[in-house]
């Protein structure tokens, strides 16, 4: 089974998710989208599966620091462009496994997914 977790190395939520995976013996690949970037195809797929409001981190500092004009009337295309330019605006973690997409970290959802 291939498990890939996407996020930012120093994010506290990412640290919790990665620790959970390690503590439960789940092997994974980590993609740091701040260091390695993110491609349009992944973002489009994630938005199709989970919805823009789930993938876009509106609560984060990076999004809140945007000028009002950039935050208003946010279309799918405009949001994708913002997330590609500033990957910190992507919620984290995003985990792909078994044809599933998990956005955010909730131990009970991870446990249900990995049979723990």
N, C-alpha and C. Protein backbone atom coordinates (compact mmCIF):
# COMPACT_ATOMS: atom_id res chain seq x y z
N UNK A 1 0.84 -1.17 0.00
CA UNK A 1 0.00 0.00 0.00
C UNK A 1 0.89 1.24 0.00
N UNK A 2 0.57 2.16 -0.88
CA UNK A 2 1.32 3.40 -0.95
C UNK A 2 0.59 4.47 -0.15
N UNK A 3 1.31 5.09 0.75
CA UNK A 3 0.77 6.19 1.55
C UNK A 3 1.68 7.39 1.31
N UNK A 4 1.08 8.48 0.88
CA UNK A 4 1.84 9.72 0.71
C UNK A 4 1.16 10.79 1.53
N UNK A 5 1.95 11.47 2.34
CA UNK A 5 1.43 12.56 3.14
C UNK A 5 2.08 13.85 2.65
N UNK A 6 1.26 14.84 2.41
CA UNK A 6 1.69 16.13 1.87
C UNK A 6 1.52 17.19 2.95
N UNK A 7 2.49 18.09 3.03
CA UNK A 7 2.38 19.18 3.98
C UNK A 7 3.67 19.95 4.08
N UNK A 8 3.87 20.53 5.24
CA UNK A 8 5.04 21.37 5.51
C UNK A 8 5.76 20.77 6.72
N UNK A 9 7.05 20.64 6.61
CA UNK A 9 7.85 19.95 7.61
C UNK A 9 7.64 20.46 9.03
N UNK A 10 7.62 21.75 9.25
CA UNK A 10 7.60 22.30 10.60
C UNK A 10 6.21 22.59 11.15
N UNK A 11 5.18 22.17 10.46
CA UNK A 11 3.81 22.40 10.91
C UNK A 11 3.49 21.45 12.08
N UNK A 12 2.92 21.96 13.16
CA UNK A 12 2.60 21.14 14.33
C UNK A 12 1.62 20.02 14.00
N UNK A 13 0.61 20.31 13.20
CA UNK A 13 -0.36 19.29 12.83
C UNK A 13 0.31 18.20 12.00
N UNK A 14 1.21 18.59 11.14
CA UNK A 14 1.96 17.61 10.34
C UNK A 14 2.78 16.71 11.26
N UNK A 15 3.41 17.29 12.26
CA UNK A 15 4.21 16.51 13.19
C UNK A 15 3.34 15.47 13.90
N UNK A 16 2.13 15.87 14.30
CA UNK A 16 1.22 14.93 14.96
C UNK A 16 0.82 13.81 14.01
N UNK A 17 0.51 14.15 12.78
CA UNK A 17 0.08 13.14 11.81
C UNK A 17 1.23 12.18 11.50
N UNK A 18 2.40 12.70 11.28
CA UNK A 18 3.54 11.84 10.98
C UNK A 18 3.89 10.95 12.18
N UNK A 19 3.81 11.49 13.39
CA UNK A 19 4.06 10.68 14.59
C UNK A 19 3.01 9.58 14.70
N UNK A 20 1.75 9.89 14.41
CA UNK A 20 0.70 8.88 14.47
C UNK A 20 1.02 7.75 13.50
N UNK A 21 1.37 8.10 12.28
CA UNK A 21 1.69 7.07 11.28
C UNK A 21 2.87 6.22 11.75
N UNK A 22 3.90 6.85 12.24
CA UNK A 22 5.08 6.12 12.70
C UNK A 22 4.75 5.23 13.90
N UNK A 23 3.98 5.76 14.85
CA UNK A 23 3.61 5.00 16.05
C UNK A 23 2.75 3.78 15.72
N UNK A 24 2.05 3.84 14.58
CA UNK A 24 1.17 2.74 14.18
C UNK A 24 1.75 1.90 13.04
N UNK A 25 3.04 2.08 12.80
CA UNK A 25 3.73 1.25 11.83
C UNK A 25 3.29 1.43 10.39
N UNK A 26 2.81 2.63 10.07
CA UNK A 26 2.37 2.90 8.70
C UNK A 26 3.53 3.57 7.95
N UNK A 27 4.06 2.87 6.95
CA UNK A 27 5.13 3.43 6.13
C UNK A 27 4.53 4.47 5.20
N UNK A 28 5.23 5.56 5.00
CA UNK A 28 4.70 6.63 4.16
C UNK A 28 5.84 7.38 3.48
N UNK A 29 5.46 8.07 2.42
CA UNK A 29 6.36 9.01 1.76
C UNK A 29 5.88 10.40 2.14
N UNK A 30 6.81 11.31 2.41
CA UNK A 30 6.45 12.68 2.78
C UNK A 30 6.83 13.63 1.65
N UNK A 31 5.86 14.44 1.24
CA UNK A 31 6.10 15.47 0.22
C UNK A 31 5.91 16.83 0.89
N UNK A 32 6.99 17.56 1.04
CA UNK A 32 6.95 18.90 1.63
C UNK A 32 6.62 19.88 0.51
N UNK A 33 5.37 20.34 0.47
CA UNK A 33 5.02 21.19 -0.66
C UNK A 33 5.50 22.62 -0.52
N UNK A 34 6.07 22.95 0.58
CA UNK A 34 6.71 24.26 0.68
C UNK A 34 8.11 24.18 0.07
N UNK A 35 8.81 23.08 0.33
CA UNK A 35 10.17 22.90 -0.20
C UNK A 35 10.16 22.40 -1.64
N UNK A 36 9.23 21.49 -1.97
CA UNK A 36 9.22 20.86 -3.29
C UNK A 36 8.14 21.38 -4.23
N UNK A 37 7.28 22.24 -3.72
CA UNK A 37 6.21 22.76 -4.55
C UNK A 37 5.06 21.77 -4.69
N UNK A 38 4.05 22.19 -5.41
CA UNK A 38 2.88 21.36 -5.64
C UNK A 38 2.45 21.56 -7.08
N UNK A 39 1.95 20.50 -7.68
CA UNK A 39 1.55 20.63 -9.08
C UNK A 39 0.03 20.83 -9.19
N UNK A 40 -0.36 21.45 -10.27
CA UNK A 40 -1.76 21.78 -10.54
C UNK A 40 -2.64 20.53 -10.54
N UNK A 41 -2.15 19.44 -11.11
CA UNK A 41 -2.94 18.22 -11.20
C UNK A 41 -3.39 17.70 -9.84
N UNK A 42 -2.47 17.70 -8.87
CA UNK A 42 -2.84 17.27 -7.51
C UNK A 42 -3.89 18.20 -6.92
N UNK A 43 -3.66 19.48 -7.01
CA UNK A 43 -4.63 20.43 -6.44
C UNK A 43 -6.01 20.27 -7.06
N UNK A 44 -6.06 20.15 -8.37
CA UNK A 44 -7.35 19.98 -9.04
C UNK A 44 -8.03 18.69 -8.60
N UNK A 45 -7.27 17.62 -8.49
CA UNK A 45 -7.82 16.34 -8.06
C UNK A 45 -8.33 16.43 -6.62
N UNK A 46 -7.55 17.04 -5.75
CA UNK A 46 -7.97 17.19 -4.35
C UNK A 46 -9.24 18.02 -4.23
N UNK A 47 -9.32 19.10 -4.98
CA UNK A 47 -10.52 19.95 -4.94
C UNK A 47 -11.72 19.19 -5.48
N UNK A 48 -11.52 18.42 -6.55
CA UNK A 48 -12.61 17.60 -7.10
C UNK A 48 -13.12 16.60 -6.06
N UNK A 49 -12.20 16.01 -5.30
CA UNK A 49 -12.57 14.98 -4.33
C UNK A 49 -13.11 15.56 -3.01
N UNK A 50 -12.45 16.59 -2.51
CA UNK A 50 -12.77 17.08 -1.16
C UNK A 50 -13.46 18.43 -1.14
N UNK A 51 -13.37 19.18 -2.23
CA UNK A 51 -13.97 20.52 -2.27
C UNK A 51 -12.95 21.60 -1.97
N UNK A 52 -13.16 22.74 -2.58
CA UNK A 52 -12.24 23.87 -2.42
C UNK A 52 -12.16 24.32 -0.97
N UNK A 53 -13.29 24.38 -0.28
CA UNK A 53 -13.28 24.85 1.10
C UNK A 53 -12.51 23.94 2.03
N UNK A 54 -12.37 22.67 1.67
CA UNK A 54 -11.61 21.73 2.49
C UNK A 54 -10.12 21.86 2.20
N UNK A 55 -9.75 22.09 0.96
CA UNK A 55 -8.34 22.12 0.56
C UNK A 55 -7.68 23.46 0.85
N UNK A 56 -8.40 24.54 0.69
CA UNK A 56 -7.83 25.88 0.90
C UNK A 56 -7.84 26.22 2.39
N UNK A 57 -6.69 26.55 2.91
CA UNK A 57 -6.55 26.89 4.33
C UNK A 57 -6.83 28.37 4.54
N UNK A 58 -8.10 28.70 4.67
CA UNK A 58 -8.50 30.10 4.86
C UNK A 58 -8.14 30.62 6.25
N UNK A 59 -7.95 29.72 7.21
CA UNK A 59 -7.65 30.13 8.58
C UNK A 59 -6.17 30.43 8.80
N UNK A 60 -5.34 30.03 7.86
CA UNK A 60 -3.90 30.22 8.03
C UNK A 60 -3.45 31.65 7.85
N UNK A 61 -2.30 31.94 8.42
CA UNK A 61 -1.72 33.28 8.36
C UNK A 61 -1.49 33.74 6.92
N UNK A 62 -1.01 32.86 6.07
CA UNK A 62 -0.69 33.24 4.69
C UNK A 62 -1.94 33.76 3.98
N UNK A 63 -3.05 33.06 4.13
CA UNK A 63 -4.29 33.49 3.48
C UNK A 63 -4.81 34.78 4.11
N UNK A 64 -4.78 34.86 5.42
CA UNK A 64 -5.31 36.05 6.10
C UNK A 64 -4.51 37.31 5.80
N UNK A 65 -3.24 37.15 5.45
CA UNK A 65 -2.40 38.31 5.14
C UNK A 65 -2.60 38.83 3.71
N UNK A 66 -3.35 38.08 2.90
CA UNK A 66 -3.61 38.54 1.53
C UNK A 66 -4.42 39.82 1.56
N UNK A 67 -4.22 40.68 0.59
CA UNK A 67 -5.07 41.87 0.48
C UNK A 67 -6.53 41.43 0.27
N UNK A 68 -7.46 42.23 0.78
CA UNK A 68 -8.88 41.90 0.66
C UNK A 68 -9.28 41.58 -0.77
N UNK A 69 -8.74 42.31 -1.72
CA UNK A 69 -9.10 42.11 -3.12
C UNK A 69 -8.77 40.70 -3.60
N UNK A 70 -7.71 40.11 -3.07
CA UNK A 70 -7.32 38.76 -3.48
C UNK A 70 -8.16 37.69 -2.79
N UNK A 71 -8.70 38.01 -1.61
CA UNK A 71 -9.51 37.03 -0.87
C UNK A 71 -10.98 37.05 -1.30
N UNK A 72 -11.41 38.15 -1.85
CA UNK A 72 -12.81 38.29 -2.24
C UNK A 72 -13.06 37.64 -3.60
N UNK A 73 -14.31 37.21 -3.80
CA UNK A 73 -14.73 36.60 -5.07
C UNK A 73 -13.74 35.54 -5.53
N UNK A 74 -13.40 34.67 -4.63
CA UNK A 74 -12.39 33.64 -4.90
C UNK A 74 -12.99 32.51 -5.74
N UNK A 75 -12.54 32.42 -6.97
CA UNK A 75 -12.98 31.34 -7.85
C UNK A 75 -12.04 30.16 -7.67
N UNK A 76 -12.44 29.03 -8.21
CA UNK A 76 -11.60 27.83 -8.16
C UNK A 76 -10.24 28.13 -8.78
N UNK A 77 -10.24 28.75 -9.96
CA UNK A 77 -9.00 29.02 -10.69
C UNK A 77 -8.10 29.98 -9.90
N UNK A 78 -8.70 31.01 -9.34
CA UNK A 78 -7.93 31.98 -8.56
C UNK A 78 -7.33 31.31 -7.32
N UNK A 79 -8.10 30.44 -6.67
CA UNK A 79 -7.62 29.74 -5.48
C UNK A 79 -6.47 28.80 -5.83
N UNK A 80 -6.59 28.09 -6.93
CA UNK A 80 -5.51 27.19 -7.36
C UNK A 80 -4.24 27.99 -7.63
N UNK A 81 -4.38 29.11 -8.30
CA UNK A 81 -3.21 29.96 -8.59
C UNK A 81 -2.55 30.42 -7.29
N UNK A 82 -3.36 30.82 -6.31
CA UNK A 82 -2.81 31.25 -5.02
C UNK A 82 -2.08 30.11 -4.31
N UNK A 83 -2.68 28.91 -4.32
CA UNK A 83 -2.06 27.77 -3.64
C UNK A 83 -0.79 27.31 -4.34
N UNK A 84 -0.76 27.41 -5.67
CA UNK A 84 0.46 27.06 -6.40
C UNK A 84 1.57 28.05 -6.09
N UNK A 85 1.21 29.31 -5.97
CA UNK A 85 2.19 30.37 -5.70
C UNK A 85 2.66 30.32 -4.25
N UNK A 86 1.73 30.01 -3.33
CA UNK A 86 2.04 29.99 -1.90
C UNK A 86 1.46 28.71 -1.28
N UNK A 87 2.18 27.61 -1.37
CA UNK A 87 1.66 26.32 -0.90
C UNK A 87 1.24 26.30 0.57
N UNK A 88 1.67 27.28 1.36
CA UNK A 88 1.23 27.34 2.76
C UNK A 88 -0.28 27.50 2.86
N UNK A 89 -0.93 27.89 1.77
CA UNK A 89 -2.38 28.06 1.77
C UNK A 89 -3.13 26.74 1.58
N UNK A 90 -2.39 25.65 1.40
CA UNK A 90 -3.02 24.34 1.27
C UNK A 90 -3.16 23.77 2.67
N UNK A 91 -4.37 23.30 3.02
CA UNK A 91 -4.55 22.68 4.32
C UNK A 91 -3.61 21.51 4.46
N UNK A 92 -3.30 21.18 5.69
CA UNK A 92 -2.39 20.07 5.92
C UNK A 92 -2.77 19.33 7.19
N UNK A 93 -2.40 18.10 7.20
CA UNK A 93 -1.82 17.33 6.11
C UNK A 93 -2.87 16.90 5.09
N UNK A 94 -2.39 16.55 3.92
CA UNK A 94 -3.22 15.87 2.92
C UNK A 94 -2.58 14.49 2.76
N UNK A 95 -3.38 13.45 2.94
CA UNK A 95 -2.86 12.09 2.88
C UNK A 95 -3.62 11.32 1.81
N UNK A 96 -2.85 10.69 0.93
CA UNK A 96 -3.42 9.85 -0.13
C UNK A 96 -3.08 8.39 0.18
N UNK A 97 -4.12 7.54 0.20
CA UNK A 97 -3.91 6.12 0.41
C UNK A 97 -5.15 5.33 0.03
N UNK A 98 -4.96 4.14 -0.47
CA UNK A 98 -6.07 3.24 -0.78
C UNK A 98 -7.17 3.92 -1.58
N UNK A 99 -6.80 4.81 -2.47
CA UNK A 99 -7.79 5.52 -3.26
C UNK A 99 -8.57 6.55 -2.45
N UNK A 100 -8.13 6.81 -1.24
CA UNK A 100 -8.79 7.79 -0.37
C UNK A 100 -7.95 9.04 -0.24
N UNK A 101 -8.63 10.11 0.10
CA UNK A 101 -7.97 11.38 0.36
C UNK A 101 -8.42 11.85 1.73
N UNK A 102 -7.47 12.07 2.62
CA UNK A 102 -7.76 12.59 3.95
C UNK A 102 -7.13 13.97 4.06
N UNK A 103 -7.92 14.96 4.42
CA UNK A 103 -7.42 16.32 4.56
C UNK A 103 -7.59 16.74 6.02
N UNK A 104 -6.48 17.14 6.63
CA UNK A 104 -6.49 17.45 8.05
C UNK A 104 -6.11 16.20 8.83
N UNK A 105 -5.90 16.37 10.12
CA UNK A 105 -5.51 15.21 10.94
C UNK A 105 -6.51 15.01 12.07
N UNK A 106 -7.14 13.85 12.04
CA UNK A 106 -8.00 13.41 13.13
C UNK A 106 -7.61 11.96 13.41
N UNK A 107 -7.06 11.68 14.59
CA UNK A 107 -6.59 10.33 14.90
C UNK A 107 -7.64 9.25 14.64
N UNK A 108 -8.90 9.52 14.95
CA UNK A 108 -9.94 8.51 14.77
C UNK A 108 -10.17 8.18 13.29
N UNK A 109 -9.99 9.16 12.42
CA UNK A 109 -10.15 8.90 10.98
C UNK A 109 -8.94 8.12 10.46
N UNK A 110 -7.76 8.46 10.93
CA UNK A 110 -6.58 7.69 10.56
C UNK A 110 -6.73 6.25 11.03
N UNK A 111 -7.20 6.07 12.26
CA UNK A 111 -7.37 4.72 12.81
C UNK A 111 -8.37 3.93 11.97
N UNK A 112 -9.46 4.56 11.56
CA UNK A 112 -10.45 3.87 10.71
C UNK A 112 -9.89 3.52 9.36
N UNK A 113 -9.04 4.37 8.83
CA UNK A 113 -8.45 4.13 7.51
C UNK A 113 -7.40 3.03 7.55
N UNK A 114 -6.62 3.00 8.61
CA UNK A 114 -5.52 2.04 8.68
C UNK A 114 -5.81 0.85 9.57
N UNK A 115 -7.08 0.69 9.95
CA UNK A 115 -7.49 -0.50 10.70
C UNK A 115 -6.87 -0.63 12.07
N UNK A 116 -6.69 0.48 12.74
CA UNK A 116 -6.06 0.44 14.05
C UNK A 116 -7.12 0.43 15.13
